[in-house]
């Protein structure tokens, strides 16, 4: 099957969408179409090819299908949030976001056992959770507008997708909440919106560099706080910083590619006498 390659291509396309528009609703609409199309392709693929064993089927539902499915859930929920976001005063906006965050925390509480199973990299229930033969026995998730075809779904693939999506939503909602109103008695304002136009790994590289240098709070700050500050300032979701860091570690060329580019650009400006 070429399913793994298709999922990798989707990740690239989703990043491209973020680079061509900063409009969240446009990003969501374009991303939803891509995710749906890929899910249809994957469905056709597995209808023609039979999995050789449980391991192969588990890998499909636990890893490969998660790329389009978790993104589909995320962008659906993101679009819904933005469409219904209050246009009124700051208090109504904060109340709306807080209510959404509570619902997400309720989801995490209700599915604590499954979340621990995933976070601890356990595998002993994978054949029950991520093969189709137990679909009816463990069909515990609400379908809503997602794919729940028993020939194309395991009992817990949607639940895992919701977990991945909801964790991203928490970061997004916290950014929105912090961006409302005043900080330290001053209103945050720019002549125009500042948008991060480099990559997710570039932001992670910068965050780790700031953390390692001790340039913020004399080093007494954790990485996630730095990442969130950058994400809020530049209206960007950089994803999982630890996963991005792993990608940086295995680079074959310079592991500080973005920092090298910053240094080169700054030195070029100094040489030219530019401000």
C-alpha atoms as a PDB file:
ATOM      1  CA  UNK A   1       0.000   0.000   0.000  1.00  0.00           C
ATOM      2  CA  UNK A   2       1.024   3.615  -0.547  1.00  0.00           C
ATOM      3  CA  UNK A   3      -1.021   4.764   2.430  1.00  0.00           C
ATOM      4  CA  UNK A   4       1.953   5.969   4.480  1.00  0.00           C
ATOM      5  CA  UNK A   5       3.194   8.136   1.623  1.00  0.00           C
ATOM      6  CA  UNK A   6      -0.276   9.640   1.143  1.00  0.00           C
ATOM      7  CA  UNK A   7      -0.415  10.649   4.810  1.00  0.00           C
ATOM      8  CA  UNK A   8       3.044  12.195   4.614  1.00  0.00           C
ATOM      9  CA  UNK A   9       1.999  14.206   1.564  1.00  0.00           C
ATOM     10  CA  UNK A  10      -1.054  15.462   3.446  1.00  0.00           C
ATOM     11  CA  UNK A  11       1.112  16.810   6.266  1.00  0.00           C
ATOM     12  CA  UNK A  12       3.119  18.798   3.731  1.00  0.00           C
ATOM     13  CA  UNK A  13      -0.039  20.167   2.091  1.00  0.00           C
ATOM     14  CA  UNK A  14      -1.516  21.214   5.441  1.00  0.00           C
ATOM     15  CA  UNK A  15       1.629  23.178   6.258  1.00  0.00           C
ATOM     16  CA  UNK A  16       1.474  24.800   2.819  1.00  0.00           C
ATOM     17  CA  UNK A  17      -2.095  25.961   3.474  1.00  0.00           C
ATOM     18  CA  UNK A  18      -0.943  27.661   6.679  1.00  0.00           C
ATOM     19  CA  UNK A  19       1.752  29.472   4.719  1.00  0.00           C
ATOM     20  CA  UNK A  20      -0.599  30.856   2.035  1.00  0.00           C
ATOM     21  CA  UNK A  21      -3.377  32.213   4.275  1.00  0.00           C
ATOM     22  CA  UNK A  22      -3.670  33.395   7.868  1.00  0.00           C
ATOM     23  CA  UNK A  23      -7.478  33.298   7.771  1.00  0.00           C
ATOM     24  CA  UNK A  24      -8.449  30.485  10.174  1.00  0.00           C
ATOM     25  CA  UNK A  25     -11.760  29.759   8.440  1.00  0.00           C
ATOM     26  CA  UNK A  26     -10.082  29.504   5.024  1.00  0.00           C
ATOM     27  CA  UNK A  27      -7.361  27.310   6.482  1.00  0.00           C
ATOM     28  CA  UNK A  28      -9.995  25.078   8.039  1.00  0.00           C
ATOM     29  CA  UNK A  29     -12.116  24.780   4.893  1.00  0.00           C
ATOM     30  CA  UNK A  30      -9.136  23.922   2.677  1.00  0.00           C
ATOM     31  CA  UNK A  31      -7.758  21.468   5.235  1.00  0.00           C
ATOM     32  CA  UNK A  32     -11.110  19.724   5.720  1.00  0.00           C
ATOM     33  CA  UNK A  33     -11.408  19.117   1.975  1.00  0.00           C
ATOM     34  CA  UNK A  34      -7.882  17.652   1.833  1.00  0.00           C
ATOM     35  CA  UNK A  35      -8.484  15.383   4.827  1.00  0.00           C
ATOM     36  CA  UNK A  36     -11.802  14.107   3.505  1.00  0.00           C
ATOM     37  CA  UNK A  37     -10.328  13.389   0.088  1.00  0.00           C
ATOM     38  CA  UNK A  38      -7.444  11.458   1.596  1.00  0.00           C
ATOM     39  CA  UNK A  39      -9.765   9.422   3.825  1.00  0.00           C
ATOM     40  CA  UNK A  40     -11.731   8.430   0.729  1.00  0.00           C
ATOM     41  CA  UNK A  41      -8.509   7.400  -1.004  1.00  0.00           C
ATOM     42  CA  UNK A  42      -7.403   5.378   2.001  1.00  0.00           C
ATOM     43  CA  UNK A  43     -10.774   3.689   2.168  1.00  0.00           C
ATOM     44  CA  UNK A  44     -10.448   2.588  -1.464  1.00  0.00           C
ATOM     45  CA  UNK A  45      -6.897   1.413  -0.835  1.00  0.00           C
ATOM     46  CA  UNK A  46      -7.791  -0.929   2.005  1.00  0.00           C
ATOM     47  CA  UNK A  47     -10.867  -2.206   0.187  1.00  0.00           C
ATOM     48  CA  UNK A  48      -8.553  -3.579  -2.506  1.00  0.00           C
ATOM     49  CA  UNK A  49      -5.641  -4.668  -0.313  1.00  0.00           C
ATOM     50  CA  UNK A  50      -6.088  -7.062   2.593  1.00  0.00           C
ATOM     51  CA  UNK A  51      -3.894  -6.530   5.645  1.00  0.00           C
ATOM     52  CA  UNK A  52      -1.348  -9.311   5.990  1.00  0.00           C
ATOM     53  CA  UNK A  53      -1.674  -9.486   9.763  1.00  0.00           C
ATOM     54  CA  UNK A  54      -2.930  -7.639  12.845  1.00  0.00           C
ATOM     55  CA  UNK A  55       0.300  -5.679  13.139  1.00  0.00           C
ATOM     56  CA  UNK A  56      -0.203  -4.144   9.712  1.00  0.00           C
ATOM     57  CA  UNK A  57      -3.852  -3.338  10.431  1.00  0.00           C
ATOM     58  CA  UNK A  58      -3.002  -1.803  13.811  1.00  0.00           C
ATOM     59  CA  UNK A  59      -0.361   0.383  12.193  1.00  0.00           C
ATOM     60  CA  UNK A  60      -2.921   1.639   9.682  1.00  0.00           C
ATOM     61  CA  UNK A  61      -5.612   2.600  12.208  1.00  0.00           C
ATOM     62  CA  UNK A  62      -3.250   3.758  14.968  1.00  0.00           C
ATOM     63  CA  UNK A  63      -0.741   5.670  12.836  1.00  0.00           C
ATOM     64  CA  UNK A  64      -1.459   6.175   9.144  1.00  0.00           C
ATOM     65  CA  UNK A  65      -5.180   6.964   9.255  1.00  0.00           C
ATOM     66  CA  UNK A  66      -4.631   9.239  12.239  1.00  0.00           C
ATOM     67  CA  UNK A  67      -2.991  11.899  10.072  1.00  0.00           C
ATOM     68  CA  UNK A  68      -6.083  12.781   8.013  1.00  0.00           C
ATOM     69  CA  UNK A  69      -8.611  11.773  10.685  1.00  0.00           C
ATOM     70  CA  UNK A  70      -7.156  13.771  13.592  1.00  0.00           C
ATOM     71  CA  UNK A  71      -6.672  16.780  11.322  1.00  0.00           C
ATOM     72  CA  UNK A  72     -10.256  16.441  10.085  1.00  0.00           C
ATOM     73  CA  UNK A  73     -11.547  16.506  13.672  1.00  0.00           C
ATOM     74  CA  UNK A  74      -9.257  19.405  14.590  1.00  0.00           C
ATOM     75  CA  UNK A  75     -10.209  21.648  11.679  1.00  0.00           C
ATOM     76  CA  UNK A  76     -13.919  20.852  12.037  1.00  0.00           C
ATOM     77  CA  UNK A  77     -13.818  21.872  15.695  1.00  0.00           C
ATOM     78  CA  UNK A  78     -11.628  24.888  14.954  1.00  0.00           C
ATOM     79  CA  UNK A  79     -14.036  26.099  12.290  1.00  0.00           C
ATOM     80  CA  UNK A  80     -17.017  25.594  14.579  1.00  0.00           C
ATOM     81  CA  UNK A  81     -15.276  27.532  17.357  1.00  0.00           C
ATOM     82  CA  UNK A  82     -14.452  30.490  15.119  1.00  0.00           C
ATOM     83  CA  UNK A  83     -17.891  30.642  13.495  1.00  0.00           C
ATOM     84  CA  UNK A  84     -19.604  30.856  16.892  1.00  0.00           C
ATOM     85  CA  UNK A  85     -16.997  33.077  18.541  1.00  0.00           C
ATOM     86  CA  UNK A  86     -18.735  36.078  20.201  1.00  0.00           C
ATOM     87  CA  UNK A  87     -18.403  39.460  18.535  1.00  0.00           C
ATOM     88  CA  UNK A  88     -19.187  41.325  21.766  1.00  0.00           C
ATOM     89  CA  UNK A  89     -17.187  42.428  24.795  1.00  0.00           C
ATOM     90  CA  UNK A  90     -14.099  40.805  26.259  1.00  0.00           C
ATOM     91  CA  UNK A  91     -15.988  39.098  29.091  1.00  0.00           C
ATOM     92  CA  UNK A  92     -18.293  37.232  26.697  1.00  0.00           C
ATOM     93  CA  UNK A  93     -15.284  36.123  24.656  1.00  0.00           C
ATOM     94  CA  UNK A  94     -13.429  34.889  27.726  1.00  0.00           C
ATOM     95  CA  UNK A  95     -16.536  33.104  28.988  1.00  0.00           C
ATOM     96  CA  UNK A  96     -16.994  31.357  25.628  1.00  0.00           C
ATOM     97  CA  UNK A  97     -13.382  30.165  25.510  1.00  0.00           C
ATOM     98  CA  UNK A  98     -13.450  29.047  29.142  1.00  0.00           C
ATOM     99  CA  UNK A  99     -16.595  27.015  28.500  1.00  0.00           C
ATOM    100  CA  UNK A 100     -14.938  25.320  25.516  1.00  0.00           C
ATOM    101  CA  UNK A 101     -11.850  24.524  27.583  1.00  0.00           C
ATOM    102  CA  UNK A 102     -14.023  22.967  30.275  1.00  0.00           C
ATOM    103  CA  UNK A 103     -15.665  20.677  27.697  1.00  0.00           C
ATOM    104  CA  UNK A 104     -12.245  19.587  26.484  1.00  0.00           C
ATOM    105  CA  UNK A 105     -11.104  18.884  30.039  1.00  0.00           C
ATOM    106  CA  UNK A 106     -14.275  16.856  30.575  1.00  0.00           C
ATOM    107  CA  UNK A 107     -13.308  14.776  27.543  1.00  0.00           C
ATOM    108  CA  UNK A 108      -9.840  14.126  29.009  1.00  0.00           C
ATOM    109  CA  UNK A 109     -11.346  13.129  32.365  1.00  0.00           C
ATOM    110  CA  UNK A 110     -13.945  10.806  30.826  1.00  0.00           C
ATOM    111  CA  UNK A 111     -11.311   9.004  28.745  1.00  0.00           C
ATOM    112  CA  UNK A 112      -8.491   8.971  31.279  1.00  0.00           C
ATOM    113  CA  UNK A 113      -7.819   5.221  31.060  1.00  0.00           C
ATOM    114  CA  UNK A 114      -7.483   5.281  27.287  1.00  0.00           C
ATOM    115  CA  UNK A 115      -5.325   8.421  27.406  1.00  0.00           C
ATOM    116  CA  UNK A 116      -2.948   6.798  29.887  1.00  0.00           C
ATOM    117  CA  UNK A 117      -2.817   3.706  27.691  1.00  0.00           C
ATOM    118  CA  UNK A 118      -1.741   5.857  24.731  1.00  0.00           C
ATOM    119  CA  UNK A 119       0.633   8.156  26.627  1.00  0.00           C
ATOM    120  CA  UNK A 120       2.415   5.219  28.238  1.00  0.00           C
ATOM    121  CA  UNK A 121       2.905   3.572  24.825  1.00  0.00           C
ATOM    122  CA  UNK A 122       1.090   0.427  25.889  1.00  0.00           C
ATOM    123  CA  UNK A 123       0.157  -2.070  23.179  1.00  0.00           C
ATOM    124  CA  UNK A 124      -1.549  -5.034  24.859  1.00  0.00           C
ATOM    125  CA  UNK A 125      -5.041  -3.859  23.807  1.00  0.00           C
ATOM    126  CA  UNK A 126      -4.081  -2.688  20.330  1.00  0.00           C
ATOM    127  CA  UNK A 127      -5.757  -5.605  18.587  1.00  0.00           C
ATOM    128  CA  UNK A 128      -9.034  -4.682  20.315  1.00  0.00           C
ATOM    129  CA  UNK A 129      -8.667  -0.939  19.822  1.00  0.00           C
ATOM    130  CA  UNK A 130      -7.184  -0.760  16.333  1.00  0.00           C
ATOM    131  CA  UNK A 131      -8.485  -3.680  14.276  1.00  0.00           C
ATOM    132  CA  UNK A 132     -11.922  -3.863  12.721  1.00  0.00           C
ATOM    133  CA  UNK A 133     -12.972  -7.184  14.185  1.00  0.00           C
ATOM    134  CA  UNK A 134     -13.885  -5.555  17.535  1.00  0.00           C
ATOM    135  CA  UNK A 135     -15.636  -2.521  16.034  1.00  0.00           C
ATOM    136  CA  UNK A 136     -19.112  -3.365  17.390  1.00  0.00           C
ATOM    137  CA  UNK A 137     -17.899  -4.598  20.757  1.00  0.00           C
ATOM    138  CA  UNK A 138     -16.102  -1.357  21.615  1.00  0.00           C
ATOM    139  CA  UNK A 139     -17.958   1.209  19.551  1.00  0.00           C
ATOM    140  CA  UNK A 140     -17.977   3.865  22.279  1.00  0.00           C
ATOM    141  CA  UNK A 141     -17.461   7.104  20.370  1.00  0.00           C
ATOM    142  CA  UNK A 142     -20.091   9.376  18.930  1.00  0.00           C
ATOM    143  CA  UNK A 143     -19.847   9.524  15.134  1.00  0.00           C
ATOM    144  CA  UNK A 144     -21.009  13.095  14.584  1.00  0.00           C
ATOM    145  CA  UNK A 145     -19.745  14.086  11.122  1.00  0.00           C
ATOM    146  CA  UNK A 146     -16.701  11.843  10.986  1.00  0.00           C
ATOM    147  CA  UNK A 147     -15.989   8.558   9.211  1.00  0.00           C
ATOM    148  CA  UNK A 148     -17.497   5.584  11.063  1.00  0.00           C
ATOM    149  CA  UNK A 149     -17.816   2.958   8.376  1.00  0.00           C
ATOM    150  CA  UNK A 150     -17.238  -0.434  10.092  1.00  0.00           C
ATOM    151  CA  UNK A 151     -15.177  -1.534   7.091  1.00  0.00           C
ATOM    152  CA  UNK A 152     -12.979   1.521   7.490  1.00  0.00           C
ATOM    153  CA  UNK A 153     -12.939   2.064  11.254  1.00  0.00           C
ATOM    154  CA  UNK A 154     -11.694   0.354  14.361  1.00  0.00           C
ATOM    155  CA  UNK A 155     -13.404   0.792  17.711  1.00  0.00           C
ATOM    156  CA  UNK A 156     -10.977   3.435  18.986  1.00  0.00           C
ATOM    157  CA  UNK A 157      -9.405   5.109  15.962  1.00  0.00           C
ATOM    158  CA  UNK A 158     -11.820   8.045  16.212  1.00  0.00           C
ATOM    159  CA  UNK A 159     -11.265   8.343  19.955  1.00  0.00           C
ATOM    160  CA  UNK A 160      -7.513   8.550  19.357  1.00  0.00           C
ATOM    161  CA  UNK A 161      -8.077  11.161  16.641  1.00  0.00           C
ATOM    162  CA  UNK A 162     -10.212  13.209  19.043  1.00  0.00           C
ATOM    163  CA  UNK A 163      -7.494  12.988  21.672  1.00  0.00           C
ATOM    164  CA  UNK A 164      -4.876  14.306  19.249  1.00  0.00           C
ATOM    165  CA  UNK A 165      -7.199  17.030  17.955  1.00  0.00           C
ATOM    166  CA  UNK A 166      -8.382  18.123  21.394  1.00  0.00           C
ATOM    167  CA  UNK A 167      -4.844  18.539  22.648  1.00  0.00           C
ATOM    168  CA  UNK A 168      -4.178  20.880  19.753  1.00  0.00           C
ATOM    169  CA  UNK A 169      -7.421  22.726  20.461  1.00  0.00           C
ATOM    170  CA  UNK A 170      -6.416  23.314  24.075  1.00  0.00           C
ATOM    171  CA  UNK A 171      -3.252  25.075  22.897  1.00  0.00           C
ATOM    172  CA  UNK A 172      -5.212  27.127  20.381  1.00  0.00           C
ATOM    173  CA  UNK A 173      -7.884  28.141  22.912  1.00  0.00           C
ATOM    174  CA  UNK A 174      -5.305  29.086  25.536  1.00  0.00           C
ATOM    175  CA  UNK A 175      -3.628  31.292  22.941  1.00  0.00           C
ATOM    176  CA  UNK A 176      -6.941  32.964  22.150  1.00  0.00           C
ATOM    177  CA  UNK A 177      -7.697  33.476  25.826  1.00  0.00           C
ATOM    178  CA  UNK A 178      -4.322  35.056  26.553  1.00  0.00           C
ATOM    179  CA  UNK A 179      -4.580  37.339  23.521  1.00  0.00           C
ATOM    180  CA  UNK A 180      -7.782  38.958  24.810  1.00  0.00           C
ATOM    181  CA  UNK A 181      -7.548  42.159  26.828  1.00  0.00           C
ATOM    182  CA  UNK A 182      -4.672  43.516  28.829  1.00  0.00           C
ATOM    183  CA  UNK A 183      -1.434  42.221  30.243  1.00  0.00           C
ATOM    184  CA  UNK A 184       0.429  44.102  32.949  1.00  0.00           C
ATOM    185  CA  UNK A 185      -1.984  46.998  32.537  1.00  0.00           C
ATOM    186  CA  UNK A 186      -1.137  47.553  28.876  1.00  0.00           C
ATOM    187  CA  UNK A 187      -3.163  46.678  25.823  1.00  0.00           C
ATOM    188  CA  UNK A 188      -1.252  44.624  23.290  1.00  0.00           C
ATOM    189  CA  UNK A 189      -1.495  46.215  19.875  1.00  0.00           C
ATOM    190  CA  UNK A 190       0.450  46.213  16.619  1.00  0.00           C
ATOM    191  CA  UNK A 191       0.130  48.357  13.522  1.00  0.00           C
ATOM    192  CA  UNK A 192      -0.586  45.125  11.699  1.00  0.00           C
ATOM    193  CA  UNK A 193      -0.909  41.486  12.651  1.00  0.00           C
ATOM    194  CA  UNK A 194       2.364  39.625  13.043  1.00  0.00           C
ATOM    195  CA  UNK A 195       2.249  36.188  11.429  1.00  0.00           C
ATOM    196  CA  UNK A 196       4.889  33.474  11.599  1.00  0.00           C
ATOM    197  CA  UNK A 197       5.727  32.520   8.015  1.00  0.00           C
ATOM    198  CA  UNK A 198       8.562  30.080   8.680  1.00  0.00           C
ATOM    199  CA  UNK A 199       7.999  26.399   9.576  1.00  0.00           C
ATOM    200  CA  UNK A 200       6.895  24.673  12.760  1.00  0.00           C
ATOM    201  CA  UNK A 201      10.363  23.254  13.350  1.00  0.00           C
ATOM    202  CA  UNK A 202      11.862  26.729  12.867  1.00  0.00           C
ATOM    203  CA  UNK A 203       9.758  28.047  15.746  1.00  0.00           C
ATOM    204  CA  UNK A 204      10.710  25.048  17.872  1.00  0.00           C
ATOM    205  CA  UNK A 205      14.392  25.643  17.079  1.00  0.00           C
ATOM    206  CA  UNK A 206      14.074  29.274  18.205  1.00  0.00           C
ATOM    207  CA  UNK A 207      12.192  28.294  21.378  1.00  0.00           C
ATOM    208  CA  UNK A 208      14.832  25.743  22.379  1.00  0.00           C
ATOM    209  CA  UNK A 209      17.594  28.272  21.666  1.00  0.00           C
ATOM    210  CA  UNK A 210      15.910  30.867  23.895  1.00  0.00           C
ATOM    211  CA  UNK A 211      15.453  28.263  26.612  1.00  0.00           C
ATOM    212  CA  UNK A 212      19.046  27.020  26.392  1.00  0.00           C
ATOM    213  CA  UNK A 213      20.530  30.533  26.358  1.00  0.00           C
ATOM    214  CA  UNK A 214      18.810  31.648  29.548  1.00  0.00           C
ATOM    215  CA  UNK A 215      17.745  34.828  27.754  1.00  0.00           C
ATOM    216  CA  UNK A 216      14.214  34.708  29.255  1.00  0.00           C
ATOM    217  CA  UNK A 217      13.704  34.994  33.032  1.00  0.00           C
ATOM    218  CA  UNK A 218      17.360  34.046  33.498  1.00  0.00           C
ATOM    219  CA  UNK A 219      16.494  30.568  32.226  1.00  0.00           C
ATOM    220  CA  UNK A 220      13.813  30.009  34.877  1.00  0.00           C
ATOM    221  CA  UNK A 221      11.033  29.251  32.418  1.00  0.00           C
ATOM    222  CA  UNK A 222       9.924  25.995  30.862  1.00  0.00           C
ATOM    223  CA  UNK A 223       9.954  25.296  27.156  1.00  0.00           C
ATOM    224  CA  UNK A 224       6.177  25.138  26.724  1.00  0.00           C
ATOM    225  CA  UNK A 225       5.796  28.658  28.137  1.00  0.00           C
ATOM    226  CA  UNK A 226       8.257  29.994  25.580  1.00  0.00           C
ATOM    227  CA  UNK A 227       6.560  28.093  22.755  1.00  0.00           C
ATOM    228  CA  UNK A 228       3.123  29.399  23.739  1.00  0.00           C
ATOM    229  CA  UNK A 229       4.415  32.965  23.994  1.00  0.00           C
ATOM    230  CA  UNK A 230       5.805  32.717  20.459  1.00  0.00           C
ATOM    231  CA  UNK A 231       2.608  31.075  19.174  1.00  0.00           C
ATOM    232  CA  UNK A 232       0.418  33.805  20.683  1.00  0.00           C
ATOM    233  CA  UNK A 233       2.637  36.632  19.436  1.00  0.00           C
ATOM    234  CA  UNK A 234       2.798  35.310  15.906  1.00  0.00           C
ATOM    235  CA  UNK A 235      -0.676  33.699  15.604  1.00  0.00           C
ATOM    236  CA  UNK A 236       0.748  30.260  14.828  1.00  0.00           C
ATOM    237  CA  UNK A 237       0.326  26.703  16.057  1.00  0.00           C
ATOM    238  CA  UNK A 238       3.741  25.036  16.016  1.00  0.00           C
ATOM    239  CA  UNK A 239       2.417  21.603  16.990  1.00  0.00           C
ATOM    240  CA  UNK A 240       4.234  19.274  19.383  1.00  0.00           C
ATOM    241  CA  UNK A 241       7.604  20.877  20.270  1.00  0.00           C
ATOM    242  CA  UNK A 242       9.105  17.586  21.447  1.00  0.00           C
ATOM    243  CA  UNK A 243       8.222  15.845  18.193  1.00  0.00           C
ATOM    244  CA  UNK A 244       9.622  18.807  16.235  1.00  0.00           C
ATOM    245  CA  UNK A 245      12.778  18.615  18.341  1.00  0.00           C
ATOM    246  CA  UNK A 246      13.199  14.945  17.439  1.00  0.00           C
ATOM    247  CA  UNK A 247      13.084  15.903  13.760  1.00  0.00           C
ATOM    248  CA  UNK A 248      15.732  18.563  14.354  1.00  0.00           C
ATOM    249  CA  UNK A 249      17.988  16.056  16.127  1.00  0.00           C
ATOM    250  CA  UNK A 250      18.110  13.665  13.161  1.00  0.00           C
ATOM    251  CA  UNK A 251      18.875  16.272  10.498  1.00  0.00           C
ATOM    252  CA  UNK A 252      21.689  15.125   8.256  1.00  0.00           C
ATOM    253  CA  UNK A 253      22.990  18.646   7.589  1.00  0.00           C
ATOM    254  CA  UNK A 254      22.952  21.549  10.034  1.00  0.00           C
ATOM    255  CA  UNK A 255      20.774  20.896  13.081  1.00  0.00           C
ATOM    256  CA  UNK A 256      20.572  24.667  13.648  1.00  0.00           C
ATOM    257  CA  UNK A 257      19.388  25.503  10.138  1.00  0.00           C
ATOM    258  CA  UNK A 258      16.979  28.284  11.156  1.00  0.00           C
ATOM    259  CA  UNK A 259      19.415  29.867  13.610  1.00  0.00           C
ATOM    260  CA  UNK A 260      22.103  29.762  10.922  1.00  0.00           C
ATOM    261  CA  UNK A 261      19.750  31.550   8.533  1.00  0.00           C
ATOM    262  CA  UNK A 262      18.998  34.194  11.163  1.00  0.00           C
ATOM    263  CA  UNK A 263      22.707  34.792  11.752  1.00  0.00           C
ATOM    264  CA  UNK A 264      23.498  34.931   8.030  1.00  0.00           C
ATOM    265  CA  UNK A 265      20.652  37.358   7.348  1.00  0.00           C
ATOM    266  CA  UNK A 266      21.638  39.624  10.238  1.00  0.00           C
ATOM    267  CA  UNK A 267      25.317  39.696   9.235  1.00  0.00           C
ATOM    268  CA  UNK A 268      24.332  40.472   5.627  1.00  0.00           C
ATOM    269  CA  UNK A 269      22.305  43.443   6.844  1.00  0.00           C
ATOM    270  CA  UNK A 270      25.185  44.652   8.992  1.00  0.00           C
ATOM    271  CA  UNK A 271      27.544  44.443   6.027  1.00  0.00           C
ATOM    272  CA  UNK A 272      25.084  46.386   3.861  1.00  0.00           C
ATOM    273  CA  UNK A 273      24.462  48.965   6.563  1.00  0.00           C
ATOM    274  CA  UNK A 274      20.726  48.175   6.593  1.00  0.00           C
ATOM    275  CA  UNK A 275      18.588  48.697   9.701  1.00  0.00           C
END
